[in-house]
Structure formats: C-alpha cells, structure tokens
Amino acid sequence: MNNEELKEALVSRRPVIVRAAMYGEIEYAFVSGIIYRATPGGKVFVQAEVTDKCLHSVSITDPKSIHFKEE
C-alpha cells in the first residue's frame, strides 16, 4: 500500500492481508495505526500496525506488504 491507501485502510477499517515471507498471506481485521519512525541519520520511514482477527493483538509491518482483502 502507498501512503494514501494506508490512510484509507486506517479510516475504513476494512480487512487486510499481509504477505509475510516466512508465513505466506495472513488475514488481519484492519489497519489500526500508522507509525512514523526516524533513523539516527535523520530519515523517516513508515510502518503499519495491524490488528488480528480476534482483536487481541497487533503486529507491526511494512505497508508495502499489505493489501485489502478481496470481498
């Protein structure tokens, strides 16, 4: 997802799929947060917080690995 799609996912709370290298595709309930982090070199990068389907835990992932679940 790019930044605009990530913002849309955050607001719409639609189910998303995360492509994880070790586990394949994992379904999550929704994107629950957008995190901006700074490196010691002064660069900023974005991460996404996704909530599991049971609503008990979150995972942090690269937004490029997320896409909306097909209905």
C-alpha atoms as a PDB file:
ATOM      1  CA  MET A   1       0.000   0.000   0.000  1.00  0.00           C
ATOM      2  CA  ASN A   2       1.114   3.508  -0.649  1.00  0.00           C
ATOM      3  CA  ASN A   3       0.511   6.299   1.883  1.00  0.00           C
ATOM      4  CA  GLU A   4      -2.925   7.249   0.555  1.00  0.00           C
ATOM      5  CA  GLU A   5      -4.133   3.634   0.530  1.00  0.00           C
ATOM      6  CA  LEU A   6      -2.771   3.175   4.048  1.00  0.00           C
ATOM      7  CA  LYS A   7      -4.723   6.204   5.292  1.00  0.00           C
ATOM      8  CA  GLU A   8      -7.860   4.856   3.605  1.00  0.00           C
ATOM      9  CA  ALA A   9      -7.313   1.472   5.278  1.00  0.00           C
ATOM     10  CA  LEU A  10      -6.906   3.131   8.673  1.00  0.00           C
ATOM     11  CA  VAL A  11     -10.162   5.071   8.376  1.00  0.00           C
ATOM     12  CA  SER A  12     -12.278   2.395   6.660  1.00  0.00           C
ATOM     13  CA  ARG A  13     -11.177  -0.473   8.974  1.00  0.00           C
ATOM     14  CA  ARG A  14     -11.568  -2.950   6.102  1.00  0.00           C
ATOM     15  CA  PRO A  15      -9.960  -6.403   6.481  1.00  0.00           C
ATOM     16  CA  VAL A  16      -6.421  -6.608   5.098  1.00  0.00           C
ATOM     17  CA  ILE A  17      -3.976  -9.307   4.031  1.00  0.00           C
ATOM     18  CA  VAL A  18      -0.268  -9.140   4.911  1.00  0.00           C
ATOM     19  CA  ARG A  19       2.251 -11.031   2.783  1.00  0.00           C
ATOM     20  CA  ALA A  20       4.838 -12.410   5.212  1.00  0.00           C
ATOM     21  CA  ALA A  21       7.934 -14.032   3.717  1.00  0.00           C
ATOM     22  CA  MET A  22       8.035 -16.894   6.225  1.00  0.00           C
ATOM     23  CA  TYR A  23       4.284 -17.483   6.630  1.00  0.00           C
ATOM     24  CA  GLY A  24       2.622 -16.570   3.340  1.00  0.00           C
ATOM     25  CA  GLU A  25      -0.521 -14.459   3.429  1.00  0.00           C
ATOM     26  CA  ILE A  26      -2.110 -13.689   6.807  1.00  0.00           C
ATOM     27  CA  GLU A  27      -5.517 -12.052   7.221  1.00  0.00           C
ATOM     28  CA  TYR A  28      -5.912  -9.252   9.762  1.00  0.00           C
ATOM     29  CA  ALA A  29      -9.045  -7.447  10.946  1.00  0.00           C
ATOM     30  CA  PHE A  30      -7.854  -3.952   9.956  1.00  0.00           C
ATOM     31  CA  VAL A  31      -5.045  -1.402   9.965  1.00  0.00           C
ATOM     32  CA  SER A  32      -5.110   0.114  13.445  1.00  0.00           C
ATOM     33  CA  GLY A  33      -2.235   2.575  13.231  1.00  0.00           C
ATOM     34  CA  ILE A  34       0.334   4.321  11.078  1.00  0.00           C
ATOM     35  CA  ILE A  35       3.755   4.747  12.650  1.00  0.00           C
ATOM     36  CA  TYR A  36       6.403   7.231  11.506  1.00  0.00           C
ATOM     37  CA  ARG A  37       9.905   6.429  12.754  1.00  0.00           C
ATOM     38  CA  ALA A  38      13.124   8.418  12.479  1.00  0.00           C
ATOM     39  CA  THR A  39      16.508   6.820  11.906  1.00  0.00           C
ATOM     40  CA  PRO A  40      19.674   8.147  13.552  1.00  0.00           C
ATOM     41  CA  GLY A  41      20.606   9.539  10.124  1.00  0.00           C
ATOM     42  CA  GLY A  42      17.523  11.752  10.074  1.00  0.00           C
ATOM     43  CA  LYS A  43      15.450   9.763   7.576  1.00  0.00           C
ATOM     44  CA  VAL A  44      11.800   8.938   8.258  1.00  0.00           C
ATOM     45  CA  PHE A  45      10.135   5.640   7.385  1.00  0.00           C
ATOM     46  CA  VAL A  46       6.561   4.398   7.757  1.00  0.00           C
ATOM     47  CA  GLN A  47       5.254   1.227   9.392  1.00  0.00           C
ATOM     48  CA  ALA A  48       1.698  -0.044   9.766  1.00  0.00           C
ATOM     49  CA  GLU A  49       0.079  -1.565  12.841  1.00  0.00           C
ATOM     50  CA  VAL A  50      -2.457  -4.287  12.001  1.00  0.00           C
ATOM     51  CA  THR A  51      -4.906  -5.867  14.466  1.00  0.00           C
ATOM     52  CA  ASP A  52      -5.504  -9.626  14.422  1.00  0.00           C
ATOM     53  CA  LYS A  53      -8.939 -11.094  13.654  1.00  0.00           C
ATOM     54  CA  CYS A  54      -9.612 -11.865  17.347  1.00  0.00           C
ATOM     55  CA  LEU A  55      -8.852  -8.219  18.237  1.00  0.00           C
ATOM     56  CA  HIS A  56      -6.379  -9.351  20.931  1.00  0.00           C
ATOM     57  CA  SER A  57      -3.014  -8.375  19.471  1.00  0.00           C
ATOM     58  CA  VAL A  58      -1.295  -6.197  16.905  1.00  0.00           C
ATOM     59  CA  SER A  59       1.635  -6.683  14.548  1.00  0.00           C
ATOM     60  CA  ILE A  60       3.897  -4.079  13.000  1.00  0.00           C
ATOM     61  CA  THR A  61       4.614  -4.488   9.299  1.00  0.00           C
ATOM     62  CA  ASP A  62       5.836  -2.765   6.168  1.00  0.00           C
ATOM     63  CA  PRO A  63       2.894  -1.074   4.383  1.00  0.00           C
ATOM     64  CA  LYS A  64       4.197  -2.395   1.055  1.00  0.00           C
ATOM     65  CA  SER A  65       3.292  -5.932   2.193  1.00  0.00           C
ATOM     66  CA  ILE A  66      -0.399  -5.057   2.859  1.00  0.00           C
ATOM     67  CA  HIS A  67      -3.367  -5.203   0.532  1.00  0.00           C
ATOM     68  CA  PHE A  68      -7.135  -5.121   1.039  1.00  0.00           C
ATOM     69  CA  LYS A  69      -8.909  -8.453   1.380  1.00  0.00           C
ATOM     70  CA  GLU A  70     -10.996  -9.161  -1.713  1.00  0.00           C
ATOM     71  CA  GLU A  71     -14.700  -9.268  -0.922  1.00  0.00           C
END
